[in-house]
Amino acid sequence: MKRVALWLVSVVCEGEEFTKTQLRDAFPGVSQVDRRMRDLRDFGWRIDTNREDPALDPHQQRFVKAGVPVWEPGRGARPKGTTAIGANRRREIIAADGNMCRSCGITPGAEYPDTDEVAQLDIARRKVSKPDGEVVVELVTECNRCRIGGRGLTADLAGVLRSSAALSGVERRVLTDWIRDDQRSFNRVEELWSDYRSLPEESRAAVRAELGLD
């Protein structure tokens, strides 16, 4: 892993693309060199594939940003709470998460609205703030879009529990129905609100004018 990190910063350089063949040719005889490179993500290194960047071909990757200099003494130990995710564990997590992205609900192979881009699911490491104040890392299924946007976020379990406890009886029943079904249908007004929020300001102004708000 340390040798791969040095190869990335000295040969590939940040922002540049490389192929799996180039990686393997740089380390002849080294088994699972692809996995050694993926391990760098646990140390804050960003290496995009076509899952994160649709502009890349399946055989291409981009070295976006270096993280912890793992070649320095004492810097190459795996961060607390992180372990390599094997294929079996990955399948277990995706199955437990309902075979869908837990952020947006899209399923693998489905197209994103208004695009020809197809969703792929992967495992994200998410920081979670527990009620006792401890912050731990947990695994969650996300699509290639949400996984990028969710980097650096911390889920607030303590806040969710506090808000849940403060719900009225009617609100609690509504929430428990959604949780039991693991889904919620949005009406057209709610969908429009979400669409409006995603617009740039100039376009939001056009909507406000149409509704007589400006």
N, C-alpha and C. Protein backbone atom coordinates (compact mmCIF):
# COMPACT_ATOMS: atom_id res chain seq x y z
N MET A 1 0.82 -1.20 0.00
CA MET A 1 0.00 0.00 0.00
C MET A 1 0.86 1.26 0.00
N LYS A 2 1.93 1.23 0.80
CA LYS A 2 2.82 2.39 0.86
C LYS A 2 3.49 2.64 -0.47
N ARG A 3 3.91 1.56 -1.14
CA ARG A 3 4.56 1.70 -2.45
C ARG A 3 3.58 2.24 -3.48
N VAL A 4 2.33 1.80 -3.42
CA VAL A 4 1.31 2.31 -4.35
C VAL A 4 1.09 3.80 -4.12
N ALA A 5 1.04 4.21 -2.84
CA ALA A 5 0.85 5.63 -2.53
C ALA A 5 1.98 6.47 -3.11
N LEU A 6 3.21 6.01 -2.96
CA LEU A 6 4.35 6.75 -3.50
C LEU A 6 4.31 6.79 -5.02
N TRP A 7 3.87 5.70 -5.64
CA TRP A 7 3.75 5.67 -7.10
C TRP A 7 2.71 6.68 -7.59
N LEU A 8 1.61 6.78 -6.86
CA LEU A 8 0.57 7.72 -7.26
C LEU A 8 1.07 9.16 -7.20
N VAL A 9 1.74 9.53 -6.11
CA VAL A 9 2.14 10.93 -5.95
C VAL A 9 3.35 11.28 -6.81
N SER A 10 4.22 10.31 -7.11
CA SER A 10 5.46 10.63 -7.84
C SER A 10 5.37 10.34 -9.34
N VAL A 11 4.51 9.41 -9.72
CA VAL A 11 4.42 9.03 -11.14
C VAL A 11 3.12 9.51 -11.78
N VAL A 12 2.00 9.19 -11.13
CA VAL A 12 0.70 9.56 -11.71
C VAL A 12 0.43 11.04 -11.51
N CYS A 13 0.55 11.52 -10.28
CA CYS A 13 0.31 12.92 -9.87
C CYS A 13 -1.20 13.19 -9.74
N GLU A 14 -1.52 14.07 -8.79
CA GLU A 14 -2.91 14.40 -8.50
C GLU A 14 -3.61 14.98 -9.73
N GLY A 15 -4.85 14.54 -9.92
CA GLY A 15 -5.66 15.03 -11.04
C GLY A 15 -5.50 14.25 -12.32
N GLU A 16 -4.53 13.35 -12.36
CA GLU A 16 -4.26 12.62 -13.60
C GLU A 16 -4.91 11.23 -13.59
N GLU A 17 -5.11 10.71 -14.80
CA GLU A 17 -5.74 9.40 -14.97
C GLU A 17 -4.67 8.32 -15.14
N PHE A 18 -5.06 7.10 -14.81
CA PHE A 18 -4.21 5.93 -15.06
C PHE A 18 -5.11 4.73 -15.26
N THR A 19 -4.55 3.65 -15.73
CA THR A 19 -5.34 2.45 -15.98
C THR A 19 -4.93 1.32 -15.02
N LYS A 20 -5.78 0.32 -14.94
CA LYS A 20 -5.46 -0.84 -14.11
C LYS A 20 -4.22 -1.54 -14.63
N THR A 21 -4.06 -1.54 -15.95
CA THR A 21 -2.89 -2.18 -16.54
C THR A 21 -1.61 -1.47 -16.13
N GLN A 22 -1.64 -0.13 -16.14
CA GLN A 22 -0.47 0.63 -15.72
C GLN A 22 -0.13 0.36 -14.26
N LEU A 23 -1.15 0.24 -13.41
CA LEU A 23 -0.92 -0.05 -12.01
C LEU A 23 -0.25 -1.41 -11.84
N ARG A 24 -0.78 -2.40 -12.51
CA ARG A 24 -0.23 -3.75 -12.38
C ARG A 24 1.16 -3.86 -12.99
N ASP A 25 1.38 -3.14 -14.09
CA ASP A 25 2.71 -3.17 -14.71
C ASP A 25 3.75 -2.51 -13.81
N ALA A 26 3.31 -1.54 -13.00
CA ALA A 26 4.24 -0.85 -12.11
C ALA A 26 4.66 -1.73 -10.93
N PHE A 27 3.88 -2.77 -10.65
CA PHE A 27 4.17 -3.65 -9.52
C PHE A 27 4.09 -5.12 -9.96
N PRO A 28 4.97 -5.53 -10.85
CA PRO A 28 4.92 -6.91 -11.35
C PRO A 28 5.14 -7.92 -10.22
N GLY A 29 4.31 -8.95 -10.24
CA GLY A 29 4.45 -10.00 -9.24
C GLY A 29 3.78 -9.71 -7.92
N VAL A 30 3.22 -8.51 -7.74
CA VAL A 30 2.55 -8.16 -6.49
C VAL A 30 1.08 -8.56 -6.59
N SER A 31 0.66 -9.47 -5.72
CA SER A 31 -0.73 -9.93 -5.76
C SER A 31 -1.67 -8.90 -5.13
N GLN A 32 -2.87 -8.80 -5.69
CA GLN A 32 -3.92 -7.93 -5.17
C GLN A 32 -3.48 -6.48 -5.04
N VAL A 33 -2.72 -5.99 -6.00
CA VAL A 33 -2.26 -4.61 -5.92
C VAL A 33 -3.44 -3.65 -6.03
N ASP A 34 -4.51 -4.05 -6.75
CA ASP A 34 -5.71 -3.21 -6.83
C ASP A 34 -6.30 -2.99 -5.44
N ARG A 35 -6.33 -4.06 -4.66
CA ARG A 35 -6.87 -3.95 -3.30
C ARG A 35 -5.99 -3.09 -2.42
N ARG A 36 -4.69 -3.19 -2.57
CA ARG A 36 -3.77 -2.35 -1.79
C ARG A 36 -4.04 -0.87 -2.07
N MET A 37 -4.35 -0.57 -3.33
CA MET A 37 -4.65 0.82 -3.67
C MET A 37 -5.98 1.24 -3.07
N ARG A 38 -6.99 0.36 -3.12
CA ARG A 38 -8.29 0.70 -2.54
C ARG A 38 -8.18 0.95 -1.04
N ASP A 39 -7.24 0.26 -0.39
CA ASP A 39 -7.05 0.47 1.05
C ASP A 39 -6.67 1.90 1.38
N LEU A 40 -6.09 2.62 0.43
CA LEU A 40 -5.70 4.00 0.67
C LEU A 40 -6.90 4.89 0.97
N ARG A 41 -8.08 4.51 0.51
CA ARG A 41 -9.27 5.32 0.75
C ARG A 41 -9.58 5.43 2.24
N ASP A 42 -9.16 4.42 3.00
CA ASP A 42 -9.37 4.48 4.45
C ASP A 42 -8.48 5.54 5.10
N PHE A 43 -7.53 6.06 4.35
CA PHE A 43 -6.59 7.06 4.87
C PHE A 43 -6.82 8.43 4.22
N GLY A 44 -8.03 8.60 3.65
CA GLY A 44 -8.38 9.89 3.08
C GLY A 44 -7.95 10.13 1.65
N TRP A 45 -7.43 9.09 0.98
CA TRP A 45 -7.05 9.24 -0.42
C TRP A 45 -8.29 9.12 -1.29
N ARG A 46 -8.38 9.98 -2.30
CA ARG A 46 -9.51 9.91 -3.23
C ARG A 46 -9.02 9.44 -4.59
N ILE A 47 -9.50 8.27 -4.97
CA ILE A 47 -9.16 7.67 -6.26
C ILE A 47 -10.48 7.28 -6.92
N ASP A 48 -10.88 8.01 -7.93
CA ASP A 48 -12.19 7.81 -8.56
C ASP A 48 -12.14 6.76 -9.66
N THR A 49 -13.22 5.98 -9.74
CA THR A 49 -13.44 5.09 -10.87
C THR A 49 -14.63 5.63 -11.66
N ASN A 50 -15.12 4.87 -12.63
CA ASN A 50 -16.27 5.37 -13.38
C ASN A 50 -17.54 5.34 -12.55
N ARG A 51 -17.49 4.73 -11.36
CA ARG A 51 -18.64 4.81 -10.46
C ARG A 51 -18.80 6.23 -9.93
N GLU A 52 -17.69 6.85 -9.58
CA GLU A 52 -17.73 8.23 -9.07
C GLU A 52 -17.70 9.25 -10.19
N ASP A 53 -17.04 8.93 -11.29
CA ASP A 53 -16.88 9.86 -12.40
C ASP A 53 -17.26 9.16 -13.70
N PRO A 54 -18.51 9.35 -14.18
CA PRO A 54 -18.97 8.67 -15.38
C PRO A 54 -18.14 8.98 -16.63
N ALA A 55 -17.32 10.04 -16.59
CA ALA A 55 -16.50 10.39 -17.73
C ALA A 55 -15.36 9.40 -17.94
N LEU A 56 -15.05 8.62 -16.90
CA LEU A 56 -13.98 7.63 -17.00
C LEU A 56 -14.49 6.34 -17.63
N ASP A 57 -13.63 5.68 -18.37
CA ASP A 57 -13.95 4.36 -18.89
C ASP A 57 -13.82 3.34 -17.76
N PRO A 58 -14.42 2.15 -17.92
CA PRO A 58 -14.34 1.14 -16.85
C PRO A 58 -12.92 0.76 -16.47
N HIS A 59 -11.97 0.86 -17.40
CA HIS A 59 -10.58 0.47 -17.10
C HIS A 59 -9.75 1.64 -16.58
N GLN A 60 -10.33 2.84 -16.53
CA GLN A 60 -9.60 4.03 -16.10
C GLN A 60 -9.90 4.39 -14.65
N GLN A 61 -8.96 5.07 -14.01
CA GLN A 61 -9.17 5.65 -12.68
C GLN A 61 -8.47 7.00 -12.65
N ARG A 62 -8.88 7.83 -11.71
CA ARG A 62 -8.26 9.15 -11.59
C ARG A 62 -7.79 9.34 -10.15
N PHE A 63 -6.53 9.71 -10.01
CA PHE A 63 -5.97 10.04 -8.69
C PHE A 63 -6.35 11.49 -8.40
N VAL A 64 -7.37 11.68 -7.58
CA VAL A 64 -7.92 13.01 -7.34
C VAL A 64 -7.17 13.75 -6.25
N LYS A 65 -6.92 13.07 -5.12
CA LYS A 65 -6.31 13.78 -4.00
C LYS A 65 -5.59 12.81 -3.08
N ALA A 66 -4.41 13.20 -2.62
CA ALA A 66 -3.66 12.38 -1.67
C ALA A 66 -4.22 12.60 -0.27
N GLY A 67 -4.07 11.57 0.57
CA GLY A 67 -4.51 11.66 1.94
C GLY A 67 -3.33 11.56 2.89
N VAL A 68 -3.47 10.76 3.92
CA VAL A 68 -2.40 10.57 4.90
C VAL A 68 -1.17 9.99 4.22
N PRO A 69 0.01 10.55 4.46
CA PRO A 69 1.24 9.99 3.88
C PRO A 69 1.61 8.69 4.58
N VAL A 70 1.03 7.59 4.10
CA VAL A 70 1.13 6.31 4.81
C VAL A 70 2.55 5.75 4.83
N TRP A 71 3.44 6.28 3.98
CA TRP A 71 4.81 5.78 3.96
C TRP A 71 5.64 6.31 5.14
N GLU A 72 5.12 7.33 5.82
CA GLU A 72 5.85 7.86 6.97
C GLU A 72 5.68 6.94 8.17
N PRO A 73 6.71 6.83 9.02
CA PRO A 73 6.63 5.94 10.19
C PRO A 73 5.42 6.24 11.07
N GLY A 74 4.67 5.20 11.38
CA GLY A 74 3.52 5.34 12.27
C GLY A 74 2.27 5.86 11.61
N ARG A 75 2.31 6.14 10.29
CA ARG A 75 1.14 6.71 9.62
C ARG A 75 0.37 5.68 8.81
N GLY A 76 0.87 4.45 8.72
CA GLY A 76 0.24 3.45 7.85
C GLY A 76 -0.67 2.48 8.55
N ALA A 77 -0.94 2.67 9.84
CA ALA A 77 -1.85 1.79 10.55
C ALA A 77 -3.28 2.15 10.17
N ARG A 78 -4.10 1.12 9.93
CA ARG A 78 -5.48 1.37 9.51
C ARG A 78 -6.23 2.15 10.58
N PRO A 79 -6.98 3.20 10.18
CA PRO A 79 -7.73 3.98 11.16
C PRO A 79 -8.67 3.12 11.98
N LYS A 80 -8.85 3.49 13.25
CA LYS A 80 -9.72 2.74 14.15
C LYS A 80 -11.13 2.67 13.59
N GLY A 81 -11.70 1.47 13.63
CA GLY A 81 -13.07 1.29 13.20
C GLY A 81 -13.23 0.97 11.73
N THR A 82 -12.13 0.86 10.97
CA THR A 82 -12.23 0.53 9.55
C THR A 82 -11.57 -0.80 9.29
N THR A 83 -12.20 -1.58 8.45
CA THR A 83 -11.66 -2.86 8.00
C THR A 83 -11.95 -3.00 6.52
N ALA A 84 -11.19 -3.86 5.87
CA ALA A 84 -11.44 -4.10 4.45
C ALA A 84 -12.81 -4.77 4.30
N ILE A 85 -13.53 -4.39 3.25
CA ILE A 85 -14.87 -4.92 3.01
C ILE A 85 -14.78 -6.00 1.94
N GLY A 86 -14.97 -7.27 2.34
CA GLY A 86 -14.94 -8.37 1.40
C GLY A 86 -16.22 -8.46 0.59
N ALA A 87 -16.20 -9.30 -0.45
CA ALA A 87 -17.36 -9.43 -1.33
C ALA A 87 -18.59 -9.95 -0.58
N ASN A 88 -18.40 -10.92 0.31
CA ASN A 88 -19.54 -11.46 1.07
C ASN A 88 -20.14 -10.42 1.99
N ARG A 89 -19.27 -9.68 2.68
CA ARG A 89 -19.75 -8.62 3.58
C ARG A 89 -20.48 -7.54 2.79
N ARG A 90 -19.96 -7.21 1.62
CA ARG A 90 -20.59 -6.20 0.78
C ARG A 90 -22.01 -6.62 0.40
N ARG A 91 -22.17 -7.89 0.02
CA ARG A 91 -23.50 -8.39 -0.34
C ARG A 91 -24.44 -8.36 0.85
N GLU A 92 -23.93 -8.70 2.03
CA GLU A 92 -24.75 -8.69 3.24
C GLU A 92 -25.27 -7.27 3.54
N ILE A 93 -24.39 -6.28 3.41
CA ILE A 93 -24.77 -4.90 3.71
C ILE A 93 -25.83 -4.41 2.73
N ILE A 94 -25.62 -4.67 1.45
CA ILE A 94 -26.57 -4.21 0.43
C ILE A 94 -27.92 -4.89 0.64
N ALA A 95 -27.92 -6.19 0.96
CA ALA A 95 -29.18 -6.90 1.21
C ALA A 95 -29.90 -6.33 2.42
N ALA A 96 -29.14 -6.05 3.50
CA ALA A 96 -29.74 -5.49 4.72
C ALA A 96 -30.30 -4.09 4.47
N ASP A 97 -29.74 -3.36 3.51
CA ASP A 97 -30.20 -2.02 3.18
C ASP A 97 -31.28 -2.02 2.11
N GLY A 98 -31.85 -3.22 1.84
CA GLY A 98 -32.97 -3.28 0.90
C GLY A 98 -32.58 -3.19 -0.56
N ASN A 99 -31.29 -3.43 -0.86
CA ASN A 99 -30.80 -3.38 -2.24
C ASN A 99 -31.08 -2.03 -2.89
N MET A 100 -30.90 -0.97 -2.12
CA MET A 100 -31.11 0.37 -2.66
C MET A 100 -30.22 1.36 -1.94
N CYS A 101 -30.04 2.52 -2.55
CA CYS A 101 -29.28 3.60 -1.93
C CYS A 101 -30.08 4.14 -0.75
N ARG A 102 -29.46 4.18 0.42
CA ARG A 102 -30.18 4.63 1.60
C ARG A 102 -30.35 6.14 1.63
N SER A 103 -29.67 6.87 0.73
CA SER A 103 -29.82 8.32 0.70
C SER A 103 -30.93 8.77 -0.23
N CYS A 104 -30.98 8.18 -1.44
CA CYS A 104 -31.99 8.64 -2.42
C CYS A 104 -33.00 7.56 -2.79
N GLY A 105 -32.73 6.30 -2.42
CA GLY A 105 -33.70 5.23 -2.69
C GLY A 105 -33.59 4.57 -4.04
N ILE A 106 -32.64 4.99 -4.88
CA ILE A 106 -32.54 4.41 -6.20
C ILE A 106 -32.00 2.98 -6.11
N THR A 107 -32.40 2.14 -7.04
CA THR A 107 -31.96 0.74 -7.07
C THR A 107 -30.91 0.55 -8.17
N PRO A 108 -30.10 -0.50 -8.08
CA PRO A 108 -29.04 -0.68 -9.08
C PRO A 108 -29.62 -0.91 -10.47
N GLY A 109 -29.02 -0.24 -11.45
CA GLY A 109 -29.48 -0.37 -12.83
C GLY A 109 -30.54 0.63 -13.23
N ALA A 110 -31.15 1.31 -12.24
CA ALA A 110 -32.17 2.32 -12.56
C ALA A 110 -31.50 3.59 -13.05
N GLU A 111 -32.19 4.30 -13.94
CA GLU A 111 -31.65 5.55 -14.47
C GLU A 111 -32.03 6.70 -13.56
N TYR A 112 -31.10 7.64 -13.37
CA TYR A 112 -31.41 8.85 -12.63
C TYR A 112 -32.39 9.68 -13.46
N PRO A 113 -33.32 10.39 -12.80
CA PRO A 113 -34.29 11.20 -13.54
C PRO A 113 -33.62 12.19 -14.49
N ASP A 114 -34.17 12.27 -15.69
CA ASP A 114 -33.74 13.24 -16.71
C ASP A 114 -32.30 13.01 -17.19
N THR A 115 -31.77 11.80 -17.00
CA THR A 115 -30.43 11.49 -17.50
C THR A 115 -30.42 10.08 -18.06
N ASP A 116 -29.33 9.75 -18.72
CA ASP A 116 -29.13 8.38 -19.20
C ASP A 116 -28.17 7.63 -18.28
N GLU A 117 -27.81 8.25 -17.17
CA GLU A 117 -26.86 7.65 -16.24
C GLU A 117 -27.54 6.57 -15.40
N VAL A 118 -26.88 5.43 -15.31
CA VAL A 118 -27.43 4.28 -14.57
C VAL A 118 -26.79 4.21 -13.20
N ALA A 119 -27.59 3.95 -12.18
CA ALA A 119 -27.10 3.90 -10.81
C ALA A 119 -26.35 2.60 -10.53
N GLN A 120 -25.29 2.73 -9.77
CA GLN A 120 -24.56 1.59 -9.25
C GLN A 120 -24.46 1.75 -7.74
N LEU A 121 -24.55 0.64 -7.03
CA LEU A 121 -24.50 0.69 -5.58
C LEU A 121 -23.12 0.30 -5.07
N ASP A 122 -22.72 0.95 -4.00
CA ASP A 122 -21.44 0.63 -3.37
C ASP A 122 -21.58 0.86 -1.87
N ILE A 123 -20.55 0.53 -1.13
CA ILE A 123 -20.57 0.68 0.32
C ILE A 123 -19.81 1.93 0.73
N ALA A 124 -20.47 2.76 1.53
CA ALA A 124 -19.84 3.98 2.05
C ALA A 124 -19.59 3.84 3.54
N ARG A 125 -18.51 4.42 3.99
CA ARG A 125 -18.23 4.49 5.42
C ARG A 125 -18.78 5.81 5.95
N ARG A 126 -19.70 5.74 6.89
CA ARG A 126 -20.36 6.93 7.38
C ARG A 126 -20.10 7.11 8.87
N LYS A 127 -19.65 8.28 9.27
CA LYS A 127 -19.49 8.59 10.68
C LYS A 127 -20.88 8.76 11.31
N VAL A 128 -21.07 8.19 12.48
CA VAL A 128 -22.34 8.27 13.19
C VAL A 128 -22.09 8.74 14.61
N SER A 129 -22.79 9.82 14.99
CA SER A 129 -22.69 10.35 16.34
C SER A 129 -23.69 9.63 17.23
N LYS A 130 -23.19 8.89 18.23
CA LYS A 130 -24.03 8.10 19.12
C LYS A 130 -24.56 8.95 20.28
N PRO A 131 -25.61 8.46 20.96
CA PRO A 131 -26.17 9.23 22.08
C PRO A 131 -25.18 9.55 23.19
N ASP A 132 -24.16 8.70 23.38
CA ASP A 132 -23.18 8.97 24.43
C ASP A 132 -22.07 9.92 23.98
N GLY A 133 -22.19 10.44 22.75
CA GLY A 133 -21.20 11.39 22.25
C GLY A 133 -20.10 10.75 21.44
N GLU A 134 -19.99 9.43 21.48
CA GLU A 134 -18.96 8.74 20.70
C GLU A 134 -19.30 8.81 19.22
N VAL A 135 -18.31 8.99 18.39
CA VAL A 135 -18.48 8.98 16.93
C VAL A 135 -17.83 7.73 16.39
N VAL A 136 -18.62 6.88 15.74
CA VAL A 136 -18.12 5.62 15.20
C VAL A 136 -18.32 5.61 13.69
N VAL A 137 -17.68 4.68 13.03
CA VAL A 137 -17.83 4.52 11.59
C VAL A 137 -18.70 3.29 11.32
N GLU A 138 -19.77 3.47 10.56
CA GLU A 138 -20.65 2.38 10.18
C GLU A 138 -20.74 2.31 8.66
N LEU A 139 -21.17 1.18 8.15
CA LEU A 139 -21.24 0.95 6.72
C LEU A 139 -22.67 1.10 6.22
N VAL A 140 -22.83 1.74 5.06
CA VAL A 140 -24.15 1.97 4.51
C VAL A 140 -24.09 1.89 2.98
N THR A 141 -25.18 1.46 2.37
CA THR A 141 -25.26 1.35 0.91
C THR A 141 -25.64 2.69 0.31
N GLU A 142 -24.86 3.14 -0.66
CA GLU A 142 -25.19 4.37 -1.37
C GLU A 142 -24.89 4.19 -2.85
N CYS A 143 -25.56 4.99 -3.66
CA CYS A 143 -25.31 4.96 -5.11
C CYS A 143 -24.07 5.78 -5.42
N ASN A 144 -23.61 5.70 -6.68
CA ASN A 144 -22.39 6.39 -7.06
C ASN A 144 -22.51 7.91 -6.91
N ARG A 145 -23.71 8.47 -7.05
CA ARG A 145 -23.88 9.91 -6.87
C ARG A 145 -23.85 10.31 -5.39
N CYS A 146 -24.66 9.65 -4.59
CA CYS A 146 -24.78 10.04 -3.18
C CYS A 146 -23.51 9.74 -2.41
N ARG A 147 -22.79 8.71 -2.83
CA ARG A 147 -21.55 8.35 -2.12
C ARG A 147 -20.53 9.48 -2.19
N ILE A 148 -20.49 10.16 -3.35
CA ILE A 148 -19.57 11.28 -3.50
C ILE A 148 -20.03 12.46 -2.64
N GLY A 149 -21.34 12.77 -2.72
CA GLY A 149 -21.85 13.91 -1.96
C GLY A 149 -21.83 13.70 -0.46
N GLY A 150 -21.83 12.44 -0.02
CA GLY A 150 -21.89 12.18 1.41
C GLY A 150 -20.55 12.13 2.10
N ARG A 151 -19.47 12.28 1.35
CA ARG A 151 -18.15 12.23 1.98
C ARG A 151 -17.99 13.37 2.98
N GLY A 152 -17.52 13.03 4.17
CA GLY A 152 -17.30 14.05 5.18
C GLY A 152 -18.50 14.31 6.06
N LEU A 153 -19.66 13.69 5.76
CA LEU A 153 -20.85 13.91 6.57
C LEU A 153 -20.81 13.02 7.81
N THR A 154 -21.46 13.48 8.87
CA THR A 154 -21.62 12.69 10.09
C THR A 154 -23.10 12.55 10.38
N ALA A 155 -23.59 11.31 10.43
CA ALA A 155 -24.99 11.07 10.74
C ALA A 155 -25.23 11.28 12.23
N ASP A 156 -26.33 11.93 12.57
CA ASP A 156 -26.61 12.28 13.97
C ASP A 156 -27.68 11.36 14.54
N LEU A 157 -27.27 10.17 14.97
CA LEU A 157 -28.22 9.23 15.57
C LEU A 157 -28.84 9.81 16.83
N ALA A 158 -28.03 10.47 17.64
CA ALA A 158 -28.54 11.06 18.89
C ALA A 158 -29.67 12.05 18.60
N GLY A 159 -29.48 12.88 17.57
CA GLY A 159 -30.50 13.86 17.21
C GLY A 159 -31.77 13.21 16.71
N VAL A 160 -31.63 12.14 15.92
CA VAL A 160 -32.81 11.42 15.40
C VAL A 160 -33.59 10.80 16.56
N LEU A 161 -32.89 10.22 17.52
CA LEU A 161 -33.56 9.61 18.67
C LEU A 161 -34.29 10.66 19.51
N ARG A 162 -33.64 11.81 19.72
CA ARG A 162 -34.29 12.88 20.49
C ARG A 162 -35.55 13.38 19.79
N SER A 163 -35.45 13.60 18.47
CA SER A 163 -36.60 14.10 17.71
C SER A 163 -37.71 13.06 17.67
N SER A 164 -37.36 11.79 17.57
CA SER A 164 -38.37 10.73 17.55
C SER A 164 -39.13 10.68 18.87
N ALA A 165 -38.40 10.84 19.98
CA ALA A 165 -39.04 10.79 21.29
C ALA A 165 -40.00 11.96 21.52
N ALA A 166 -39.78 13.07 20.80
CA ALA A 166 -40.60 14.26 20.99
C ALA A 166 -41.83 14.30 20.08
N LEU A 167 -42.03 13.28 19.25
CA LEU A 167 -43.16 13.27 18.32
C LEU A 167 -44.48 13.09 19.07
N SER A 168 -45.54 13.66 18.49
CA SER A 168 -46.88 13.43 19.03
C SER A 168 -47.32 12.02 18.64
N GLY A 169 -48.44 11.57 19.19
CA GLY A 169 -48.93 10.23 18.88
C GLY A 169 -49.19 10.03 17.40
N VAL A 170 -49.81 11.02 16.76
CA VAL A 170 -50.13 10.91 15.33
C VAL A 170 -48.84 10.88 14.51
N GLU A 171 -47.91 11.78 14.84
CA GLU A 171 -46.64 11.82 14.11
C GLU A 171 -45.86 10.53 14.27
N ARG A 172 -45.90 9.95 15.47
CA ARG A 172 -45.18 8.69 15.71
C ARG A 172 -45.77 7.56 14.87
N ARG A 173 -47.11 7.52 14.76
CA ARG A 173 -47.73 6.47 13.95
C ARG A 173 -47.37 6.60 12.48
N VAL A 174 -47.33 7.85 11.99
CA VAL A 174 -46.95 8.07 10.60
C VAL A 174 -45.52 7.60 10.36
N LEU A 175 -44.62 7.98 11.27
CA LEU A 175 -43.22 7.61 11.12
C LEU A 175 -43.03 6.09 11.20
N THR A 176 -43.69 5.45 12.15
CA THR A 176 -43.53 4.01 12.29
C THR A 176 -44.04 3.27 11.05
N ASP A 177 -45.10 3.80 10.41
CA ASP A 177 -45.58 3.18 9.17
C ASP A 177 -44.53 3.28 8.08
N TRP A 178 -43.90 4.44 7.96
CA TRP A 178 -42.86 4.62 6.95
C TRP A 178 -41.68 3.69 7.23
N ILE A 179 -41.28 3.60 8.50
CA ILE A 179 -40.14 2.76 8.86
C ILE A 179 -40.47 1.29 8.62
N ARG A 180 -41.68 0.88 8.99
CA ARG A 180 -42.08 -0.52 8.80
C ARG A 180 -42.05 -0.90 7.32
N ASP A 181 -42.54 0.00 6.45
CA ASP A 181 -42.55 -0.27 5.01
C ASP A 181 -41.21 0.03 4.36
N ASP A 182 -40.34 0.75 5.09
CA ASP A 182 -39.04 1.17 4.57
C ASP A 182 -39.17 1.98 3.29
N GLN A 183 -40.22 2.75 3.20
CA GLN A 183 -40.39 3.64 2.05
C GLN A 183 -41.46 4.68 2.37
N ARG A 184 -41.43 5.74 1.58
CA ARG A 184 -42.45 6.76 1.71
C ARG A 184 -42.74 7.31 0.33
N SER A 185 -44.01 7.41 -0.02
CA SER A 185 -44.40 7.99 -1.30
C SER A 185 -44.57 9.50 -1.13
N PHE A 186 -43.99 10.26 -2.06
CA PHE A 186 -44.09 11.72 -2.02
C PHE A 186 -45.16 12.17 -3.00
N ASN A 187 -46.02 13.12 -2.56
CA ASN A 187 -47.01 13.65 -3.49
C ASN A 187 -46.36 14.65 -4.43
N ARG A 188 -47.11 15.12 -5.42
CA ARG A 188 -46.54 15.98 -6.46
C ARG A 188 -46.03 17.30 -5.90
N VAL A 189 -46.72 17.86 -4.91
CA VAL A 189 -46.28 19.13 -4.33
C VAL A 189 -44.93 18.95 -3.65
N GLU A 190 -44.75 17.84 -2.92
CA GLU A 190 -43.48 17.58 -2.26
C GLU A 190 -42.36 17.36 -3.28
N GLU A 191 -42.68 16.67 -4.37
CA GLU A 191 -41.68 16.47 -5.42
C GLU A 191 -41.28 17.79 -6.05
N LEU A 192 -42.29 18.68 -6.26
CA LEU A 192 -41.99 19.99 -6.84
C LEU A 192 -41.12 20.82 -5.90
N TRP A 193 -41.39 20.73 -4.60
CA TRP A 193 -40.57 21.45 -3.62
C TRP A 193 -39.12 20.99 -3.70
N SER A 194 -38.92 19.69 -3.78
CA SER A 194 -37.57 19.15 -3.90
C SER A 194 -36.91 19.63 -5.19
N ASP A 195 -37.67 19.62 -6.29
CA ASP A 195 -37.12 20.08 -7.57
C ASP A 195 -36.78 21.57 -7.50
N TYR A 196 -37.65 22.35 -6.86
CA TYR A 196 -37.41 23.80 -6.72
C TYR A 196 -36.13 24.06 -5.93
N ARG A 197 -35.96 23.35 -4.84
CA ARG A 197 -34.79 23.56 -3.99
C ARG A 197 -33.48 23.28 -4.72
N SER A 198 -33.53 22.42 -5.74
CA SER A 198 -32.31 22.05 -6.45
C SER A 198 -31.96 23.03 -7.57
N LEU A 199 -32.86 23.97 -7.86
CA LEU A 199 -32.62 24.92 -8.95
C LEU A 199 -31.65 26.02 -8.53
N PRO A 200 -30.86 26.56 -9.48
CA PRO A 200 -30.06 27.75 -9.19
C PRO A 200 -30.97 28.94 -8.91
N GLU A 201 -30.43 29.98 -8.29
CA GLU A 201 -31.23 31.12 -7.86
C GLU A 201 -31.99 31.77 -9.01
N GLU A 202 -31.33 31.93 -10.15
CA GLU A 202 -32.01 32.57 -11.29
C GLU A 202 -33.26 31.80 -11.69
N SER A 203 -33.17 30.47 -11.66
CA SER A 203 -34.32 29.65 -12.01
C SER A 203 -35.36 29.63 -10.89
N ARG A 204 -34.90 29.67 -9.63
CA ARG A 204 -35.84 29.74 -8.52
C ARG A 204 -36.67 31.02 -8.59
N ALA A 205 -36.02 32.11 -9.03
CA ALA A 205 -36.73 33.39 -9.18
C ALA A 205 -37.84 33.29 -10.21
N ALA A 206 -37.59 32.52 -11.28
CA ALA A 206 -38.61 32.34 -12.32
C ALA A 206 -39.82 31.60 -11.76
N VAL A 207 -39.57 30.62 -10.89
CA VAL A 207 -40.67 29.88 -10.28
C VAL A 207 -41.45 30.79 -9.34
N ARG A 208 -40.75 31.59 -8.54
CA ARG A 208 -41.43 32.51 -7.63
C ARG A 208 -42.29 33.50 -8.40
N ALA A 209 -41.78 33.96 -9.53
CA ALA A 209 -42.56 34.91 -10.35
C ALA A 209 -43.82 34.24 -10.90
N GLU A 210 -43.68 33.00 -11.32
CA GLU A 210 -44.83 32.26 -11.84
C GLU A 210 -45.91 32.11 -10.78
N LEU A 211 -45.49 31.98 -9.53
CA LEU A 211 -46.45 31.82 -8.42
C LEU A 211 -46.86 33.15 -7.80
N GLY A 212 -46.39 34.25 -8.38
CA GLY A 212 -46.76 35.58 -7.89
C GLY A 212 -46.12 35.97 -6.59
N LEU A 213 -44.93 35.43 -6.31
CA LEU A 213 -44.24 35.71 -5.04
C LEU A 213 -43.24 36.84 -5.18
N ASP A 214 -42.89 37.24 -6.39
CA ASP A 214 -41.90 38.33 -6.59
C ASP A 214 -42.61 39.58 -7.12
